[in-house]
Amino acid sequence: MHKNFKNIDKVVFGRGSFSEMDGILAEKRNDNGRFFLFVVDSYFKGKDLESRLPVKPEDVVKFIDVDPSEPTTELIDSLRDEVLAAKGLPSGVVGIGGGSIMDIAKAVSLMFTNEGSSTLYQGLNLIKKPGIYHLGVPTISGTGAEVSMTAVLTGPVKKLGLKCDWTVFNQVILDPELIASVPTDKWLYTGMDTYIHCIESENGILNNAYSHAFAEQAVKLCREIYLGDKAGQTAENDDKLMVASMMGGLSLTYSEVGVCHALSYGLSKILGEKHCYANCLAFQHLEDYYGEGVRELKQMLVQHNVQLPQGLSKGWTDETITAMAEVAYNLPHMWNHAIGTDWKEKVSLDTIKELYKRM
């Protein structure tokens, strides 16, 4: 199968590049209702970054708390409806924050031009019309959301992304200065999301020379950042992590993720765990699937004095484990990549329940 994915139209990279945003948006300000919707992580409310936003009087700024929950279809629908009712159709959407904010910006840009609830579009190529212009500014690196063609949303029934070519950002600003304040544990969890993207991309039937090239370089950068002679949260490593995140996102785009991400979706949907953290919780117990990768992740945890909880499943009921397993099982594209086209002969609901019981 040959994939013909769209990439980001334009990327600005470098320290201080956040200041380029005003000039970039100026080219689009006469479109539609002549205002921009800024979707910003509430972490930055009252902080220096808020005063640096190139906001005009006509613009709408929404500070959104994405901790601990992840984006929901209800949030996307209500945000769209509120802005349309008050101001009409924006010139574009600007997302500033981590992976959840990136996904909100991508999803709401699509839903401004597609009728009905976003629950109708959870899946591959279900979006009917292109969305409006959208620009992403990641302030945490690792999720790859800044480059991916998916906006992952949790709905009433499932956690699944709006996935199509039109999801991809028109413009991304990669300013490593913005990720300097990330706490050590979150810095590691988000970086491990990049690392896990690459390990899973490499270990499956859809891996190819194109996806391998991105994964190989991203893993090399992750090893330098987390295990190298100059390991740690330094300016140089922030630069590297921002690039690694993008490459990890491209690797999975041209391949696929696997067992860990399937389990992570169950943890997020049923228990509300944040995506990057949930990946780490699951990945540490998957040495029989991703041996060297799991062993290396454990080295990184020790190196940076970050401990993941053990024995979580002892507090879960069978109903909870079954519910998580059902979410994970209903992600056939991930199991197909990781296990093979005959995965249903090898993986059952009980198989997945046993994987959760390892945690």
Protein backbone atom coordinates (compact mmCIF):
# COMPACT_ATOMS: atom_id res chain seq x y z
CA MET A 1 0.00 0.00 0.00
CA HIS A 2 1.34 3.42 -0.95
CA LYS A 3 0.52 6.36 1.29
CA ASN A 4 0.15 9.88 -0.04
CA PHE A 5 0.06 11.93 3.14
CA LYS A 6 0.13 15.68 3.23
CA ASN A 7 2.86 17.32 5.32
CA ILE A 8 2.87 20.70 7.09
CA ASP A 9 2.87 23.52 4.55
CA LYS A 10 5.38 25.70 6.41
CA VAL A 11 7.67 25.35 9.44
CA VAL A 12 9.65 27.99 11.33
CA PHE A 13 12.33 26.57 13.63
CA GLY A 14 14.67 28.29 16.04
CA ARG A 15 15.00 30.09 19.33
CA GLY A 16 12.89 33.21 19.39
CA SER A 17 10.82 32.16 16.38
CA PHE A 18 7.61 32.69 18.40
CA SER A 19 8.01 36.39 17.58
CA GLU A 20 7.42 35.58 13.90
CA MET A 21 3.77 34.73 14.51
CA ASP A 22 2.34 38.22 14.08
CA GLY A 23 3.78 38.58 10.58
CA ILE A 24 2.69 35.07 9.62
CA LEU A 25 -0.92 35.67 10.73
CA ALA A 26 -1.06 39.05 8.98
CA GLU A 27 -1.27 37.27 5.62
CA LYS A 28 -4.50 35.53 6.69
CA ARG A 29 -6.28 38.23 8.68
CA ASN A 30 -8.59 39.31 5.84
CA ASP A 31 -10.04 35.80 5.48
CA ASN A 32 -13.57 34.87 6.67
CA GLY A 33 -14.64 36.89 9.73
CA ARG A 34 -11.28 38.67 10.02
CA PHE A 35 -10.39 37.39 13.47
CA PHE A 36 -8.33 34.55 14.92
CA LEU A 37 -9.25 32.03 17.58
CA PHE A 38 -6.32 31.43 19.94
CA VAL A 39 -6.52 28.16 21.88
CA VAL A 40 -3.93 28.29 24.67
CA ASP A 41 -3.04 25.93 27.52
CA SER A 42 -4.34 27.50 30.74
CA TYR A 43 -0.87 26.93 32.24
CA PHE A 44 0.19 30.13 30.48
CA LYS A 45 -2.63 32.27 31.87
CA GLY A 46 -1.01 35.23 33.63
CA LYS A 47 2.50 34.21 32.59
CA ASP A 48 4.93 35.97 30.26
CA LEU A 49 3.76 34.05 27.20
CA GLU A 50 0.26 35.51 27.51
CA SER A 51 1.64 39.05 27.14
CA ARG A 52 3.56 37.98 24.03
CA LEU A 53 0.52 36.71 22.13
CA PRO A 54 0.02 38.79 18.95
CA VAL A 55 -3.67 39.27 19.73
CA LYS A 56 -5.76 41.98 18.05
CA PRO A 57 -8.92 43.47 19.63
CA GLU A 58 -11.16 41.43 17.36
CA ASP A 59 -9.51 38.08 18.23
CA VAL A 60 -10.88 35.44 20.60
CA VAL A 61 -8.56 33.85 23.18
CA LYS A 62 -9.58 30.68 24.98
CA PHE A 63 -7.40 29.34 27.81
CA ILE A 64 -8.17 25.65 28.16
CA ASP A 65 -7.27 23.37 31.06
CA VAL A 66 -6.15 20.03 29.63
CA ASP A 67 -4.90 18.58 32.91
CA PRO A 68 -5.79 15.87 33.78
CA SER A 69 -8.35 15.14 31.06
CA GLU A 70 -7.68 14.90 27.32
CA PRO A 71 -9.70 16.63 24.55
CA THR A 72 -13.28 15.48 24.19
CA THR A 73 -15.70 15.64 21.31
CA GLU A 74 -18.03 17.65 23.57
CA LEU A 75 -15.33 20.29 24.09
CA ILE A 76 -14.71 20.63 20.35
CA ASP A 77 -18.39 20.90 19.50
CA SER A 78 -19.14 23.49 22.18
CA LEU A 79 -16.09 25.59 21.31
CA ARG A 80 -17.06 25.69 17.65
CA ASP A 81 -20.69 26.49 18.36
CA GLU A 82 -19.81 29.24 20.85
CA VAL A 83 -17.42 31.03 18.47
CA LEU A 84 -19.72 30.74 15.45
CA ALA A 85 -22.67 32.11 17.40
CA ALA A 86 -20.73 35.05 18.81
CA LYS A 87 -18.39 36.05 15.97
CA GLY A 88 -18.87 33.90 12.89
CA LEU A 89 -16.17 31.99 11.03
CA PRO A 90 -12.58 32.80 12.10
CA SER A 91 -9.73 33.52 9.72
CA GLY A 92 -7.93 30.70 11.44
CA VAL A 93 -7.10 28.86 14.65
CA VAL A 94 -3.85 29.13 16.61
CA GLY A 95 -3.01 26.36 19.10
CA ILE A 96 -0.36 27.01 21.75
CA GLY A 97 0.45 24.24 24.21
CA GLY A 98 1.14 20.52 24.40
CA GLY A 99 -0.27 17.64 22.39
CA SER A 100 -3.81 18.06 23.69
CA ILE A 101 -3.92 21.72 22.65
CA MET A 102 -2.48 20.79 19.25
CA ASP A 103 -5.28 18.26 18.82
CA ILE A 104 -7.94 20.77 19.92
CA ALA A 105 -6.69 23.34 17.40
CA LYS A 106 -6.63 20.80 14.59
CA ALA A 107 -10.04 19.36 15.44
CA VAL A 108 -11.90 22.65 15.86
CA SER A 109 -10.43 23.99 12.61
CA LEU A 110 -12.04 21.04 10.84
CA MET A 111 -15.34 21.28 12.68
CA PHE A 112 -15.84 24.94 11.72
CA THR A 113 -16.57 23.71 8.18
CA ASN A 114 -18.13 20.29 8.85
CA GLU A 115 -21.67 20.00 10.18
CA GLY A 116 -22.80 18.01 13.16
CA SER A 117 -20.92 16.56 16.09
CA SER A 118 -17.24 15.66 15.91
CA THR A 119 -18.26 12.16 17.01
CA LEU A 120 -19.42 11.61 13.42
CA TYR A 121 -15.87 12.05 12.15
CA GLN A 122 -13.82 9.89 14.51
CA GLY A 123 -11.96 7.66 12.10
CA LEU A 124 -10.02 7.74 8.85
CA ASN A 125 -11.04 10.14 6.06
CA LEU A 126 -14.54 10.83 7.38
CA ILE A 127 -14.18 14.62 7.24
CA LYS A 128 -16.15 15.99 4.26
CA LYS A 129 -14.65 19.47 3.77
CA PRO A 130 -11.26 21.13 4.41
CA GLY A 131 -11.04 23.04 7.67
CA ILE A 132 -9.92 26.63 8.11
CA TYR A 133 -6.30 27.77 8.39
CA HIS A 134 -4.60 26.48 11.55
CA LEU A 135 -1.20 27.16 13.11
CA GLY A 136 0.44 25.13 15.88
CA VAL A 137 2.99 26.21 18.48
CA PRO A 138 4.06 23.25 20.67
CA THR A 139 5.25 24.10 24.17
CA ILE A 140 5.96 20.46 25.08
CA SER A 141 7.81 18.19 22.67
CA GLY A 142 7.22 14.49 22.25
CA THR A 143 3.66 13.79 21.16
CA GLY A 144 4.29 14.50 17.48
CA ALA A 145 0.86 16.17 17.38
CA GLU A 146 2.43 19.18 15.71
CA VAL A 147 3.07 17.12 12.57
CA SER A 148 0.53 14.29 12.64
CA MET A 149 -2.59 13.97 10.51
CA THR A 150 -4.66 12.96 13.55
CA ALA A 151 -6.52 14.98 16.18
CA VAL A 152 -7.19 12.46 18.95
CA LEU A 153 -10.50 12.97 20.78
CA THR A 154 -12.29 11.09 23.52
CA GLY A 155 -15.97 10.66 22.72
CA PRO A 156 -18.89 9.08 24.54
CA VAL A 157 -18.17 5.72 22.88
CA LYS A 158 -14.54 5.70 21.80
CA LYS A 159 -11.20 7.47 21.89
CA LEU A 160 -10.21 7.94 18.26
CA GLY A 161 -8.84 10.67 16.08
CA LEU A 162 -10.20 12.83 13.29
CA LYS A 163 -7.71 11.58 10.72
CA CYS A 164 -7.28 12.98 7.23
CA ASP A 165 -4.95 15.14 5.14
CA TRP A 166 -6.83 18.29 6.16
CA THR A 167 -6.03 17.70 9.85
CA VAL A 168 -2.37 18.60 9.31
CA PHE A 169 -1.35 22.12 10.37
CA ASN A 170 -0.83 24.73 7.65
CA GLN A 171 1.96 26.29 9.72
CA VAL A 172 4.02 25.25 12.73
CA ILE A 173 6.34 27.41 14.83
CA LEU A 174 9.00 25.37 16.64
CA ASP A 175 10.63 27.56 19.28
CA PRO A 176 12.74 25.49 21.72
CA GLU A 177 12.68 28.36 24.25
CA LEU A 178 9.04 27.50 24.95
CA ILE A 179 9.77 24.02 26.36
CA ALA A 180 12.43 25.10 28.89
CA SER A 181 10.00 25.25 31.85
CA VAL A 182 8.65 21.68 31.55
CA PRO A 183 9.06 19.69 34.84
CA THR A 184 11.53 16.79 34.66
CA ASP A 185 8.95 14.02 34.88
CA LYS A 186 6.74 15.49 32.14
CA TRP A 187 9.86 16.25 30.06
CA LEU A 188 10.71 12.56 30.25
CA TYR A 189 7.17 11.25 29.69
CA THR A 190 6.64 13.39 26.59
CA GLY A 191 10.08 12.55 25.24
CA MET A 192 9.34 8.88 25.76
CA ASP A 193 6.24 9.30 23.63
CA THR A 194 8.57 10.20 20.76
CA TYR A 195 10.83 7.28 21.62
CA ILE A 196 7.90 4.84 21.80
CA HIS A 197 6.49 6.14 18.51
CA CYS A 198 9.74 5.16 16.85
CA ILE A 199 10.16 1.79 18.55
CA GLU A 200 6.62 0.78 17.62
CA SER A 201 6.92 2.19 14.11
CA GLU A 202 10.06 0.11 13.56
CA ASN A 203 8.66 -3.11 15.03
CA GLY A 204 5.75 -3.95 12.76
CA ILE A 205 4.74 -5.02 9.29
CA LEU A 206 4.18 -1.49 7.97
CA ASN A 207 7.72 -0.28 8.67
CA ASN A 208 9.57 0.80 5.53
CA ALA A 209 12.70 2.68 4.48
CA TYR A 210 10.90 6.03 4.68
CA SER A 211 9.47 5.57 8.19
CA HIS A 212 12.75 3.95 9.30
CA ALA A 213 14.81 6.99 8.29
CA PHE A 214 12.79 9.29 10.56
CA ALA A 215 12.71 6.77 13.42
CA GLU A 216 16.42 6.07 13.27
CA GLN A 217 17.36 9.73 13.62
CA ALA A 218 14.72 10.46 16.28
CA VAL A 219 15.89 7.52 18.43
CA LYS A 220 19.49 8.68 18.05
CA LEU A 221 18.49 12.13 19.32
CA CYS A 222 16.49 10.62 22.22
CA ARG A 223 19.52 8.61 23.31
CA GLU A 224 21.67 11.73 23.28
CA ILE A 225 19.06 13.72 25.22
CA TYR A 226 18.31 11.13 27.89
CA LEU A 227 21.41 8.90 28.08
CA GLY A 228 24.29 10.77 26.44
CA ASP A 229 27.31 12.45 28.00
CA LYS A 230 25.35 15.72 28.08
CA ALA A 231 21.99 14.20 29.05
CA GLY A 232 19.49 16.46 30.75
CA GLN A 233 17.30 19.52 30.28
CA THR A 234 19.70 21.80 28.47
CA ALA A 235 19.12 24.34 25.72
CA GLU A 236 20.91 22.10 23.24
CA ASN A 237 18.79 19.10 24.19
CA ASP A 238 15.58 21.14 23.98
CA ASP A 239 16.51 21.91 20.37
CA LYS A 240 17.12 18.21 19.72
CA LEU A 241 13.90 17.10 21.41
CA MET A 242 11.79 19.48 19.34
CA VAL A 243 13.25 17.99 16.15
CA ALA A 244 13.00 14.42 17.45
CA SER A 245 9.32 14.92 18.25
CA MET A 246 8.60 16.00 14.71
CA MET A 247 10.57 13.11 13.22
CA GLY A 248 8.88 10.60 15.50
CA GLY A 249 5.50 11.91 14.37
CA LEU A 250 6.51 11.51 10.74
CA SER A 251 7.78 7.99 11.36
CA LEU A 252 4.48 6.79 12.78
CA THR A 253 2.57 8.64 10.03
CA TYR A 254 4.30 6.56 7.37
CA SER A 255 4.15 3.38 9.44
CA GLU A 256 1.94 2.83 12.52
CA VAL A 257 2.05 2.45 16.29
CA GLY A 258 1.41 -0.81 18.09
CA VAL A 259 0.67 -2.67 21.31
CA CYS A 260 1.71 0.10 23.70
CA HIS A 261 -0.47 2.75 22.10
CA ALA A 262 -3.45 0.38 21.98
CA LEU A 263 -3.11 -0.22 25.73
CA SER A 264 -2.52 3.49 26.33
CA TYR A 265 -5.82 4.37 24.66
CA GLY A 266 -7.61 2.10 27.11
CA LEU A 267 -5.87 3.74 30.07
CA SER A 268 -6.80 7.19 28.78
CA LYS A 269 -10.40 6.41 27.83
CA ILE A 270 -11.38 4.50 30.98
CA LEU A 271 -9.07 5.94 33.66
CA GLY A 272 -8.42 9.40 32.23
CA GLU A 273 -4.63 9.01 32.18
CA LYS A 274 -2.68 11.49 30.07
CA HIS A 275 -1.47 9.98 26.82
CA CYS A 276 2.32 10.26 27.26
CA TYR A 277 2.20 9.03 30.86
CA ALA A 278 -0.12 6.17 29.89
CA ASN A 279 2.33 5.11 27.19
CA CYS A 280 5.12 4.92 29.76
CA LEU A 281 2.92 2.96 32.19
CA ALA A 282 2.21 0.36 29.50
CA PHE A 283 5.57 0.26 27.71
CA GLN A 284 7.58 -0.71 30.80
CA HIS A 285 5.73 -4.05 30.85
CA LEU A 286 6.11 -4.96 27.16
CA GLU A 287 9.65 -6.33 27.04
CA ASP A 288 8.44 -9.47 25.24
CA TYR A 289 7.24 -7.22 22.39
CA TYR A 290 9.83 -4.43 22.40
CA GLY A 291 12.78 -5.87 24.31
CA GLU A 292 15.68 -3.48 23.77
CA GLY A 293 13.39 -0.46 23.68
CA VAL A 294 11.83 -1.31 27.05
CA ARG A 295 15.21 -1.95 28.64
CA GLU A 296 16.50 1.36 27.35
CA LEU A 297 13.45 3.26 28.61
CA LYS A 298 14.07 1.83 32.08
CA GLN A 299 17.67 3.10 31.88
CA MET A 300 16.36 6.57 31.04
CA LEU A 301 14.00 6.51 34.02
CA VAL A 302 16.86 5.62 36.37
CA GLN A 303 19.18 8.19 34.79
CA HIS A 304 16.71 11.00 35.53
CA ASN A 305 15.40 9.67 38.85
CA VAL A 306 11.83 9.26 37.62
CA GLN A 307 9.80 6.36 39.01
CA LEU A 308 6.71 4.86 37.46
CA PRO A 309 4.12 3.26 39.77
CA GLN A 310 3.92 -0.52 39.98
CA GLY A 311 1.08 -2.82 40.95
CA LEU A 312 -1.68 -0.54 39.66
CA SER A 313 -3.79 -3.42 38.41
CA LYS A 314 -4.27 -4.71 41.97
CA GLY A 315 -6.67 -1.81 42.48
CA TRP A 316 -8.62 -2.34 39.27
CA THR A 317 -11.82 -4.34 39.12
CA ASP A 318 -12.36 -6.95 36.43
CA GLU A 319 -14.99 -4.63 34.94
CA THR A 320 -12.42 -1.84 34.63
CA ILE A 321 -9.83 -4.12 33.04
CA THR A 322 -12.42 -5.50 30.63
CA ALA A 323 -13.51 -1.99 29.64
CA MET A 324 -9.91 -0.97 28.93
CA ALA A 325 -9.29 -4.16 26.99
CA GLU A 326 -12.34 -3.51 24.81
CA VAL A 327 -11.03 -0.04 23.94
CA ALA A 328 -7.62 -1.49 23.06
CA TYR A 329 -9.02 -4.40 21.06
CA ASN A 330 -11.04 -2.05 18.87
CA LEU A 331 -7.91 -0.50 17.37
CA PRO A 332 -7.28 -3.09 14.64
CA HIS A 333 -4.79 -0.96 12.69
CA MET A 334 -2.40 -0.99 15.66
CA TRP A 335 -2.66 -4.74 16.29
CA ASN A 336 -2.35 -5.45 12.56
CA HIS A 337 0.94 -3.53 12.43
CA ALA A 338 2.38 -5.00 15.61
CA ILE A 339 1.23 -8.63 15.34
CA GLY A 340 0.40 -9.20 11.66
CA THR A 341 -2.64 -9.61 9.47
CA ASP A 342 -3.62 -12.73 11.43
CA TRP A 343 -3.60 -10.82 14.73
CA LYS A 344 -7.15 -11.88 15.61
CA GLU A 345 -5.93 -15.47 15.74
CA LYS A 346 -3.24 -14.49 18.25
CA VAL A 347 -4.82 -11.68 20.29
CA SER A 348 -8.12 -11.97 22.13
CA LEU A 349 -9.84 -9.83 24.71
CA ASP A 350 -8.38 -12.13 27.36
CA THR A 351 -4.88 -11.65 25.93
CA ILE A 352 -5.23 -7.90 26.32
CA LYS A 353 -6.70 -8.21 29.81
CA GLU A 354 -3.58 -10.12 30.83
CA LEU A 355 -1.41 -7.30 29.48
CA TYR A 356 -3.28 -4.82 31.68
CA LYS A 357 -2.85 -7.11 34.68
CA ARG A 358 0.93 -6.75 34.29
CA MET A 359 0.68 -3.09 35.24
